[in-house]
């Protein structure tokens, strides 16, 4: 399981995620799932093209077939830098949506669609792409690709034209409780207790307008946006640490920021090797 945080303000986009990778088994008779193990070193934040202001992040399924999403992100980077004409990205003339479409082509059309059989339902995978196109003045963008039980709809624009936005993937409950002011299960519980669907939704909207925490502002400096994204991941990690059950969110927080002039920068990043012993190694993650 995972928590992924995408935070966009005037000056930057921040992507942050935990490192927990949950190994789950499903009983073929009952359909019930159980946690076999939780690994603490999954890669979920990616530098999509070295030298360009682009960043990616994932939650949901950790693998498509035998390839991890981290491996597929690196394969996408290799193709955009050195692939055939249909894959190569023109550094001087590209849009963020071009990168998003290439990611969908590789992950869903080429790799996921080739699985036989497909993973049993329910399953999902989300892949976020953020950054700037070659026309920097158009502002930053954040997009999401979603695969749900075998279907992949068109990419969804989460942030465009340099606007502000907070989006959470994976285990959203702790952050929604903190920022939104109430548990996301409230609407379902109201409906279960006889409140009409439309009335329950209207009540939740009115309640959120009253209790939502104003943590995000478009004029936040870059460092404060970084600190907020890191805090939200840490909040979720500690929530699941103390909640009964497996620690399905945890491990190291990987965090990257993209700005208009500095481009992609790692802020927090784990390695499976010692950087001190590999001074020339630059191609991880």
C-alpha atoms as a PDB file:
ATOM      1  CA  UNK A   1       0.000   0.000   0.000  1.00  0.00           C
ATOM      2  CA  UNK A   2       1.064   3.583  -0.402  1.00  0.00           C
ATOM      3  CA  UNK A   3       0.543   7.229   0.224  1.00  0.00           C
ATOM      4  CA  UNK A   4       1.404   9.603  -2.632  1.00  0.00           C
ATOM      5  CA  UNK A   5       1.171  13.369  -2.207  1.00  0.00           C
ATOM      6  CA  UNK A   6       1.146  15.839  -5.088  1.00  0.00           C
ATOM      7  CA  UNK A   7       1.309  19.480  -4.001  1.00  0.00           C
ATOM      8  CA  UNK A   8       1.309  22.343  -6.504  1.00  0.00           C
ATOM      9  CA  UNK A   9       1.708  26.031  -5.618  1.00  0.00           C
ATOM     10  CA  UNK A  10       2.764  29.043  -7.658  1.00  0.00           C
ATOM     11  CA  UNK A  11       6.489  28.310  -7.587  1.00  0.00           C
ATOM     12  CA  UNK A  12       6.708  24.525  -7.689  1.00  0.00           C
ATOM     13  CA  UNK A  13       5.308  21.017  -7.796  1.00  0.00           C
ATOM     14  CA  UNK A  14       6.239  18.622  -4.997  1.00  0.00           C
ATOM     15  CA  UNK A  15       5.786  14.846  -5.274  1.00  0.00           C
ATOM     16  CA  UNK A  16       6.292  12.773  -2.113  1.00  0.00           C
ATOM     17  CA  UNK A  17       5.639   9.112  -1.277  1.00  0.00           C
ATOM     18  CA  UNK A  18       6.427   6.470   1.308  1.00  0.00           C
ATOM     19  CA  UNK A  19       8.365   3.284   0.515  1.00  0.00           C
ATOM     20  CA  UNK A  20       6.122   0.463   1.778  1.00  0.00           C
ATOM     21  CA  UNK A  21       5.392  -2.314  -0.728  1.00  0.00           C
ATOM     22  CA  UNK A  22       2.715  -4.735   0.471  1.00  0.00           C
ATOM     23  CA  UNK A  23       2.684  -8.359  -0.631  1.00  0.00           C
ATOM     24  CA  UNK A  24      -0.943  -9.533  -0.681  1.00  0.00           C
ATOM     25  CA  UNK A  25      -2.464 -12.954  -1.341  1.00  0.00           C
ATOM     26  CA  UNK A  26      -6.088 -13.622  -2.278  1.00  0.00           C
ATOM     27  CA  UNK A  27      -7.945 -16.794  -1.349  1.00  0.00           C
ATOM     28  CA  UNK A  28      -9.285 -18.284  -4.595  1.00  0.00           C
ATOM     29  CA  UNK A  29     -12.306 -19.737  -2.790  1.00  0.00           C
ATOM     30  CA  UNK A  30     -13.451 -16.884  -0.553  1.00  0.00           C
ATOM     31  CA  UNK A  31     -11.933 -13.946  -2.420  1.00  0.00           C
ATOM     32  CA  UNK A  32     -10.561 -12.582   0.859  1.00  0.00           C
ATOM     33  CA  UNK A  33      -7.162 -10.876   0.790  1.00  0.00           C
ATOM     34  CA  UNK A  34      -4.475 -11.024   3.450  1.00  0.00           C
ATOM     35  CA  UNK A  35      -1.091  -9.360   3.887  1.00  0.00           C
ATOM     36  CA  UNK A  36       1.876 -11.738   3.603  1.00  0.00           C
ATOM     37  CA  UNK A  37       4.623  -9.179   4.050  1.00  0.00           C
ATOM     38  CA  UNK A  38       5.372  -5.464   3.864  1.00  0.00           C
ATOM     39  CA  UNK A  39       8.670  -4.476   2.250  1.00  0.00           C
ATOM     40  CA  UNK A  40      10.061  -1.069   3.191  1.00  0.00           C
ATOM     41  CA  UNK A  41      12.097  -0.065   0.155  1.00  0.00           C
ATOM     42  CA  UNK A  42       9.746   0.387  -2.788  1.00  0.00           C
ATOM     43  CA  UNK A  43      10.493   3.159  -5.317  1.00  0.00           C
ATOM     44  CA  UNK A  44       7.461   5.371  -6.055  1.00  0.00           C
ATOM     45  CA  UNK A  45       8.881   8.774  -7.099  1.00  0.00           C
ATOM     46  CA  UNK A  46      10.803   9.017 -10.380  1.00  0.00           C
ATOM     47  CA  UNK A  47      13.006  11.397 -12.348  1.00  0.00           C
ATOM     48  CA  UNK A  48      11.416  10.883 -15.773  1.00  0.00           C
ATOM     49  CA  UNK A  49      13.963  12.660 -17.967  1.00  0.00           C
ATOM     50  CA  UNK A  50      17.283  13.883 -16.645  1.00  0.00           C
ATOM     51  CA  UNK A  51      17.688  17.581 -17.334  1.00  0.00           C
ATOM     52  CA  UNK A  52      13.989  18.293 -17.927  1.00  0.00           C
ATOM     53  CA  UNK A  53      11.474  19.625 -15.350  1.00  0.00           C
ATOM     54  CA  UNK A  54       9.442  16.398 -15.164  1.00  0.00           C
ATOM     55  CA  UNK A  55       8.554  14.133 -12.232  1.00  0.00           C
ATOM     56  CA  UNK A  56       6.416  11.003 -11.819  1.00  0.00           C
ATOM     57  CA  UNK A  57       4.940   9.018  -8.942  1.00  0.00           C
ATOM     58  CA  UNK A  58       2.903   5.841  -8.510  1.00  0.00           C
ATOM     59  CA  UNK A  59       0.550   4.045  -6.136  1.00  0.00           C
ATOM     60  CA  UNK A  60      -1.540   0.901  -6.309  1.00  0.00           C
ATOM     61  CA  UNK A  61      -0.077  -2.175  -7.985  1.00  0.00           C
ATOM     62  CA  UNK A  62       3.681  -2.273  -7.587  1.00  0.00           C
ATOM     63  CA  UNK A  63       4.277  -4.461 -10.622  1.00  0.00           C
ATOM     64  CA  UNK A  64       2.932  -5.078 -14.111  1.00  0.00           C
ATOM     65  CA  UNK A  65       3.839  -8.666 -14.785  1.00  0.00           C
ATOM     66  CA  UNK A  66       7.461  -9.175 -13.746  1.00  0.00           C
ATOM     67  CA  UNK A  67       8.408  -5.497 -14.048  1.00  0.00           C
ATOM     68  CA  UNK A  68       8.076  -3.100 -11.116  1.00  0.00           C
ATOM     69  CA  UNK A  69       6.607   0.328 -11.825  1.00  0.00           C
ATOM     70  CA  UNK A  70      10.041   1.742 -10.997  1.00  0.00           C
ATOM     71  CA  UNK A  71      11.580  -0.399 -13.730  1.00  0.00           C
ATOM     72  CA  UNK A  72       8.910   0.722 -16.198  1.00  0.00           C
ATOM     73  CA  UNK A  73       9.542   4.379 -15.306  1.00  0.00           C
ATOM     74  CA  UNK A  74      13.225   3.882 -16.101  1.00  0.00           C
ATOM     75  CA  UNK A  75      12.342   2.115 -19.340  1.00  0.00           C
ATOM     76  CA  UNK A  76      10.134   5.075 -20.285  1.00  0.00           C
ATOM     77  CA  UNK A  77      13.015   7.425 -19.548  1.00  0.00           C
ATOM     78  CA  UNK A  78      15.386   5.366 -21.690  1.00  0.00           C
ATOM     79  CA  UNK A  79      12.972   5.377 -24.630  1.00  0.00           C
ATOM     80  CA  UNK A  80      12.254   9.115 -24.385  1.00  0.00           C
ATOM     81  CA  UNK A  81      15.984   9.825 -24.368  1.00  0.00           C
ATOM     82  CA  UNK A  82      17.345   7.188 -26.774  1.00  0.00           C
ATOM     83  CA  UNK A  83      14.426   5.291 -28.278  1.00  0.00           C
ATOM     84  CA  UNK A  84      12.916   5.125 -31.742  1.00  0.00           C
ATOM     85  CA  UNK A  85      11.189   8.106 -33.347  1.00  0.00           C
ATOM     86  CA  UNK A  86       7.793   7.198 -31.888  1.00  0.00           C
ATOM     87  CA  UNK A  87       9.238   7.308 -28.352  1.00  0.00           C
ATOM     88  CA  UNK A  88      11.925   9.999 -28.419  1.00  0.00           C
ATOM     89  CA  UNK A  89      10.942  13.249 -26.710  1.00  0.00           C
ATOM     90  CA  UNK A  90      12.007  16.474 -28.424  1.00  0.00           C
ATOM     91  CA  UNK A  91      13.569  18.427 -25.544  1.00  0.00           C
ATOM     92  CA  UNK A  92      12.951  21.743 -27.305  1.00  0.00           C
ATOM     93  CA  UNK A  93       9.333  21.105 -28.272  1.00  0.00           C
ATOM     94  CA  UNK A  94       7.172  18.918 -26.023  1.00  0.00           C
ATOM     95  CA  UNK A  95       4.072  19.134 -23.840  1.00  0.00           C
ATOM     96  CA  UNK A  96       3.526  17.427 -20.495  1.00  0.00           C
ATOM     97  CA  UNK A  97       0.570  15.566 -22.032  1.00  0.00           C
ATOM     98  CA  UNK A  98       2.984  14.089 -24.597  1.00  0.00           C
ATOM     99  CA  UNK A  99       4.919  12.491 -21.722  1.00  0.00           C
ATOM    100  CA  UNK A 100       1.671  11.324 -20.109  1.00  0.00           C
ATOM    101  CA  UNK A 101       0.528   9.651 -23.330  1.00  0.00           C
ATOM    102  CA  UNK A 102       3.874   7.878 -23.705  1.00  0.00           C
ATOM    103  CA  UNK A 103       3.610   6.638 -20.111  1.00  0.00           C
ATOM    104  CA  UNK A 104       0.106   5.295 -20.788  1.00  0.00           C
ATOM    105  CA  UNK A 105       1.297   3.660 -24.007  1.00  0.00           C
ATOM    106  CA  UNK A 106       4.101   1.800 -22.228  1.00  0.00           C
ATOM    107  CA  UNK A 107       2.427   0.891 -18.939  1.00  0.00           C
ATOM    108  CA  UNK A 108      -1.104   0.105 -20.125  1.00  0.00           C
ATOM    109  CA  UNK A 109      -1.139  -0.526 -23.876  1.00  0.00           C
ATOM    110  CA  UNK A 110       2.148  -2.412 -24.127  1.00  0.00           C
ATOM    111  CA  UNK A 111       2.725  -4.065 -20.746  1.00  0.00           C
ATOM    112  CA  UNK A 112      -0.585  -4.337 -18.889  1.00  0.00           C
ATOM    113  CA  UNK A 113      -2.690  -5.299 -21.912  1.00  0.00           C
ATOM    114  CA  UNK A 114      -0.252  -8.134 -22.677  1.00  0.00           C
ATOM    115  CA  UNK A 115      -0.858  -9.853 -19.322  1.00  0.00           C
ATOM    116  CA  UNK A 116      -2.629 -13.211 -19.624  1.00  0.00           C
ATOM    117  CA  UNK A 117      -4.470 -13.604 -17.398  1.00  0.00           C
ATOM    118  CA  UNK A 118      -5.074 -10.113 -16.048  1.00  0.00           C
ATOM    119  CA  UNK A 119      -4.713  -9.656 -12.273  1.00  0.00           C
ATOM    120  CA  UNK A 120      -7.870 -10.629 -10.368  1.00  0.00           C
ATOM    121  CA  UNK A 121     -10.248  -7.820  -9.401  1.00  0.00           C
ATOM    122  CA  UNK A 122     -10.218  -5.624  -7.515  1.00  0.00           C
ATOM    123  CA  UNK A 123      -6.931  -3.984  -8.482  1.00  0.00           C
ATOM    124  CA  UNK A 124      -5.786  -0.527  -9.496  1.00  0.00           C
ATOM    125  CA  UNK A 125      -2.718   1.442 -10.490  1.00  0.00           C
ATOM    126  CA  UNK A 126      -2.254   5.207 -10.558  1.00  0.00           C
ATOM    127  CA  UNK A 127       0.647   6.961 -12.284  1.00  0.00           C
ATOM    128  CA  UNK A 128       1.085  10.697 -11.760  1.00  0.00           C
ATOM    129  CA  UNK A 129       3.143  12.922 -14.075  1.00  0.00           C
ATOM    130  CA  UNK A 130       3.957  16.543 -13.279  1.00  0.00           C
ATOM    131  CA  UNK A 131       6.163  19.304 -14.577  1.00  0.00           C
ATOM    132  CA  UNK A 132       6.603  21.905 -17.305  1.00  0.00           C
ATOM    133  CA  UNK A 133       6.465  21.588 -21.068  1.00  0.00           C
ATOM    134  CA  UNK A 134       9.049  23.221 -23.306  1.00  0.00           C
ATOM    135  CA  UNK A 135       6.855  26.350 -23.246  1.00  0.00           C
ATOM    136  CA  UNK A 136       7.652  27.168 -19.628  1.00  0.00           C
ATOM    137  CA  UNK A 137       5.367  30.206 -19.608  1.00  0.00           C
ATOM    138  CA  UNK A 138       2.281  27.979 -19.826  1.00  0.00           C
ATOM    139  CA  UNK A 139       2.864  26.939 -16.204  1.00  0.00           C
ATOM    140  CA  UNK A 140       3.182  23.624 -14.442  1.00  0.00           C
ATOM    141  CA  UNK A 141       0.769  20.724 -14.876  1.00  0.00           C
ATOM    142  CA  UNK A 142      -0.109  17.512 -13.021  1.00  0.00           C
ATOM    143  CA  UNK A 143      -1.802  14.552 -14.747  1.00  0.00           C
ATOM    144  CA  UNK A 144      -2.935  11.118 -13.588  1.00  0.00           C
ATOM    145  CA  UNK A 145      -3.270   7.803 -15.416  1.00  0.00           C
ATOM    146  CA  UNK A 146      -5.547   5.246 -13.732  1.00  0.00           C
ATOM    147  CA  UNK A 147      -5.909   1.533 -14.438  1.00  0.00           C
ATOM    148  CA  UNK A 148      -8.859  -0.003 -12.595  1.00  0.00           C
ATOM    149  CA  UNK A 149      -9.804  -3.674 -13.026  1.00  0.00           C
ATOM    150  CA  UNK A 150      -8.521  -3.870 -16.574  1.00  0.00           C
ATOM    151  CA  UNK A 151      -9.728  -0.497 -17.846  1.00  0.00           C
ATOM    152  CA  UNK A 152      -7.689   2.658 -18.391  1.00  0.00           C
ATOM    153  CA  UNK A 153      -9.598   5.849 -19.103  1.00  0.00           C
ATOM    154  CA  UNK A 154      -8.083   8.931 -20.709  1.00  0.00           C
ATOM    155  CA  UNK A 155      -5.504  10.762 -18.568  1.00  0.00           C
ATOM    156  CA  UNK A 156      -7.025  13.168 -16.036  1.00  0.00           C
ATOM    157  CA  UNK A 157      -5.722  16.720 -15.614  1.00  0.00           C
ATOM    158  CA  UNK A 158      -5.341  17.432 -11.884  1.00  0.00           C
ATOM    159  CA  UNK A 159      -3.520  20.786 -12.114  1.00  0.00           C
ATOM    160  CA  UNK A 160      -3.118  22.996 -15.177  1.00  0.00           C
ATOM    161  CA  UNK A 161      -1.873  26.466 -16.105  1.00  0.00           C
ATOM    162  CA  UNK A 162       0.252  26.796 -12.970  1.00  0.00           C
ATOM    163  CA  UNK A 163      -2.684  26.563 -10.574  1.00  0.00           C
ATOM    164  CA  UNK A 164      -2.656  25.325  -6.970  1.00  0.00           C
ATOM    165  CA  UNK A 165      -3.721  21.846  -5.912  1.00  0.00           C
ATOM    166  CA  UNK A 166      -3.296  19.061  -3.361  1.00  0.00           C
ATOM    167  CA  UNK A 167      -3.949  15.500  -4.523  1.00  0.00           C
ATOM    168  CA  UNK A 168      -3.454  12.295  -2.577  1.00  0.00           C
ATOM    169  CA  UNK A 169      -3.186   8.761  -3.925  1.00  0.00           C
ATOM    170  CA  UNK A 170      -3.274   5.477  -2.076  1.00  0.00           C
ATOM    171  CA  UNK A 171      -4.219   5.580   1.600  1.00  0.00           C
ATOM    172  CA  UNK A 172      -5.987   8.943   1.799  1.00  0.00           C
ATOM    173  CA  UNK A 173      -7.858   8.667   5.101  1.00  0.00           C
ATOM    174  CA  UNK A 174      -5.412  10.407   7.504  1.00  0.00           C
ATOM    175  CA  UNK A 175      -4.840  13.379   5.198  1.00  0.00           C
ATOM    176  CA  UNK A 176      -8.529  13.723   4.326  1.00  0.00           C
ATOM    177  CA  UNK A 177      -9.344  13.673   8.038  1.00  0.00           C
ATOM    178  CA  UNK A 178      -6.773  16.367   8.787  1.00  0.00           C
ATOM    179  CA  UNK A 179      -7.363  18.674   5.833  1.00  0.00           C
ATOM    180  CA  UNK A 180     -11.011  17.937   5.028  1.00  0.00           C
ATOM    181  CA  UNK A 181     -12.072  17.771   8.661  1.00  0.00           C
ATOM    182  CA  UNK A 182     -13.870  14.408   8.697  1.00  0.00           C
ATOM    183  CA  UNK A 183     -13.497  10.756   7.728  1.00  0.00           C
ATOM    184  CA  UNK A 184     -14.164  10.027   4.025  1.00  0.00           C
ATOM    185  CA  UNK A 185     -16.478   7.202   5.149  1.00  0.00           C
ATOM    186  CA  UNK A 186     -18.943   9.725   6.601  1.00  0.00           C
ATOM    187  CA  UNK A 187     -21.111   9.932   3.477  1.00  0.00           C
ATOM    188  CA  UNK A 188     -21.415   6.149   3.164  1.00  0.00           C
ATOM    189  CA  UNK A 189     -22.313   5.884   6.845  1.00  0.00           C
ATOM    190  CA  UNK A 190     -25.013   8.539   6.518  1.00  0.00           C
ATOM    191  CA  UNK A 191     -26.502   6.715   3.519  1.00  0.00           C
ATOM    192  CA  UNK A 192     -26.335   3.397   5.364  1.00  0.00           C
ATOM    193  CA  UNK A 193     -28.366   4.977   8.165  1.00  0.00           C
ATOM    194  CA  UNK A 194     -31.146   6.149   5.885  1.00  0.00           C
ATOM    195  CA  UNK A 195     -30.020   9.575   4.659  1.00  0.00           C
ATOM    196  CA  UNK A 196     -30.719  10.104   0.963  1.00  0.00           C
ATOM    197  CA  UNK A 197     -27.692  10.038  -1.306  1.00  0.00           C
ATOM    198  CA  UNK A 198     -28.033  13.644  -2.494  1.00  0.00           C
ATOM    199  CA  UNK A 199     -28.673  14.891   1.047  1.00  0.00           C
ATOM    200  CA  UNK A 200     -25.609  13.081   2.390  1.00  0.00           C
ATOM    201  CA  UNK A 201     -23.409  14.568  -0.329  1.00  0.00           C
ATOM    202  CA  UNK A 202     -24.806  18.055   0.227  1.00  0.00           C
ATOM    203  CA  UNK A 203     -24.219  17.787   3.972  1.00  0.00           C
ATOM    204  CA  UNK A 204     -20.620  16.658   3.445  1.00  0.00           C
ATOM    205  CA  UNK A 205     -19.964  19.587   1.104  1.00  0.00           C
ATOM    206  CA  UNK A 206     -21.406  22.074   3.587  1.00  0.00           C
ATOM    207  CA  UNK A 207     -19.434  20.526   6.434  1.00  0.00           C
ATOM    208  CA  UNK A 208     -16.175  20.628   4.513  1.00  0.00           C
ATOM    209  CA  UNK A 209     -16.709  24.307   3.696  1.00  0.00           C
ATOM    210  CA  UNK A 210     -16.912  24.978   7.436  1.00  0.00           C
ATOM    211  CA  UNK A 211     -14.150  22.733   8.802  1.00  0.00           C
ATOM    212  CA  UNK A 212     -11.567  22.331   6.017  1.00  0.00           C
ATOM    213  CA  UNK A 213      -8.063  23.288   7.161  1.00  0.00           C
ATOM    214  CA  UNK A 214      -6.451  25.982   5.016  1.00  0.00           C
ATOM    215  CA  UNK A 215      -2.953  24.486   4.969  1.00  0.00           C
ATOM    216  CA  UNK A 216      -2.157  25.249   1.326  1.00  0.00           C
ATOM    217  CA  UNK A 217      -1.752  28.685  -0.204  1.00  0.00           C
ATOM    218  CA  UNK A 218      -0.609  29.485  -3.753  1.00  0.00           C
ATOM    219  CA  UNK A 219       2.112  31.889  -2.538  1.00  0.00           C
ATOM    220  CA  UNK A 220       3.825  29.332  -0.271  1.00  0.00           C
ATOM    221  CA  UNK A 221       7.614  29.392  -0.715  1.00  0.00           C
ATOM    222  CA  UNK A 222       9.163  26.266  -2.183  1.00  0.00           C
ATOM    223  CA  UNK A 223      10.682  25.133   1.114  1.00  0.00           C
ATOM    224  CA  UNK A 224       7.343  25.369   2.910  1.00  0.00           C
ATOM    225  CA  UNK A 225       5.621  23.354   0.189  1.00  0.00           C
ATOM    226  CA  UNK A 226       8.335  20.718   0.563  1.00  0.00           C
ATOM    227  CA  UNK A 227       7.886  20.669   4.341  1.00  0.00           C
ATOM    228  CA  UNK A 228       4.100  20.339   4.046  1.00  0.00           C
ATOM    229  CA  UNK A 229       4.278  17.414   1.592  1.00  0.00           C
ATOM    230  CA  UNK A 230       6.825  15.673   3.805  1.00  0.00           C
ATOM    231  CA  UNK A 231       4.612  16.244   6.864  1.00  0.00           C
ATOM    232  CA  UNK A 232       1.553  14.744   5.136  1.00  0.00           C
ATOM    233  CA  UNK A 233       3.445  11.578   4.199  1.00  0.00           C
ATOM    234  CA  UNK A 234       4.886  11.346   7.717  1.00  0.00           C
ATOM    235  CA  UNK A 235       1.409  11.837   9.206  1.00  0.00           C
ATOM    236  CA  UNK A 236       0.068   8.914   7.166  1.00  0.00           C
ATOM    237  CA  UNK A 237       3.050   6.708   7.992  1.00  0.00           C
ATOM    238  CA  UNK A 238       2.627   7.252  11.723  1.00  0.00           C
ATOM    239  CA  UNK A 239      -1.154   6.823  11.530  1.00  0.00           C
ATOM    240  CA  UNK A 240      -0.762   3.327  10.112  1.00  0.00           C
ATOM    241  CA  UNK A 241       2.097   2.553  12.480  1.00  0.00           C
ATOM    242  CA  UNK A 242      -0.229   2.891  15.470  1.00  0.00           C
ATOM    243  CA  UNK A 243      -3.385   1.593  13.799  1.00  0.00           C
ATOM    244  CA  UNK A 244      -4.003  -2.127  14.423  1.00  0.00           C
ATOM    245  CA  UNK A 245      -2.863  -4.289  11.527  1.00  0.00           C
ATOM    246  CA  UNK A 246       0.067  -4.299   9.133  1.00  0.00           C
ATOM    247  CA  UNK A 247       2.111  -1.128   8.593  1.00  0.00           C
ATOM    248  CA  UNK A 248       0.940  -0.763   4.996  1.00  0.00           C
ATOM    249  CA  UNK A 249       2.392   2.760   4.763  1.00  0.00           C
ATOM    250  CA  UNK A 250       5.949   3.278   5.923  1.00  0.00           C
ATOM    251  CA  UNK A 251       9.645   3.242   5.214  1.00  0.00           C
ATOM    252  CA  UNK A 252      11.693   6.121   3.844  1.00  0.00           C
ATOM    253  CA  UNK A 253       9.964   9.173   2.345  1.00  0.00           C
ATOM    254  CA  UNK A 254      11.146   9.952  -1.195  1.00  0.00           C
ATOM    255  CA  UNK A 255      10.467  13.543  -2.223  1.00  0.00           C
ATOM    256  CA  UNK A 256      11.235  15.567  -5.338  1.00  0.00           C
ATOM    257  CA  UNK A 257      10.442  19.122  -6.373  1.00  0.00           C
ATOM    258  CA  UNK A 258      10.145  20.713  -9.816  1.00  0.00           C
ATOM    259  CA  UNK A 259      10.463  24.461 -10.335  1.00  0.00           C
ATOM    260  CA  UNK A 260      10.428  26.599 -13.456  1.00  0.00           C
ATOM    261  CA  UNK A 261      14.084  27.623 -13.294  1.00  0.00           C
ATOM    262  CA  UNK A 262      15.828  24.948 -11.203  1.00  0.00           C
ATOM    263  CA  UNK A 263      14.006  22.032 -12.852  1.00  0.00           C
ATOM    264  CA  UNK A 264      13.884  18.623 -11.128  1.00  0.00           C
ATOM    265  CA  UNK A 265      15.595  18.308  -7.736  1.00  0.00           C
ATOM    266  CA  UNK A 266      15.714  15.383  -5.326  1.00  0.00           C
ATOM    267  CA  UNK A 267      15.045  16.511  -1.746  1.00  0.00           C
ATOM    268  CA  UNK A 268      14.848  13.114  -0.034  1.00  0.00           C
ATOM    269  CA  UNK A 269      15.900   9.924  -1.757  1.00  0.00           C
ATOM    270  CA  UNK A 270      16.937   6.441  -0.674  1.00  0.00           C
ATOM    271  CA  UNK A 271      19.566   4.301  -2.401  1.00  0.00           C
ATOM    272  CA  UNK A 272      20.090   0.553  -2.457  1.00  0.00           C
ATOM    273  CA  UNK A 273      23.832   1.287  -2.684  1.00  0.00           C
ATOM    274  CA  UNK A 274      26.169   3.705  -0.935  1.00  0.00           C
ATOM    275  CA  UNK A 275      26.574   6.909  -2.987  1.00  0.00           C
ATOM    276  CA  UNK A 276      29.982   7.371  -1.360  1.00  0.00           C
ATOM    277  CA  UNK A 277      31.171   4.097  -2.912  1.00  0.00           C
ATOM    278  CA  UNK A 278      29.611   4.874  -6.308  1.00  0.00           C
ATOM    279  CA  UNK A 279      30.551   8.503  -7.037  1.00  0.00           C
ATOM    280  CA  UNK A 280      29.891   8.236 -10.784  1.00  0.00           C
ATOM    281  CA  UNK A 281      26.480   6.553 -10.433  1.00  0.00           C
ATOM    282  CA  UNK A 282      23.709   8.947 -11.508  1.00  0.00           C
ATOM    283  CA  UNK A 283      21.029   6.756 -13.085  1.00  0.00           C
ATOM    284  CA  UNK A 284      19.174   5.358 -10.053  1.00  0.00           C
ATOM    285  CA  UNK A 285      15.471   6.285  -9.657  1.00  0.00           C
END
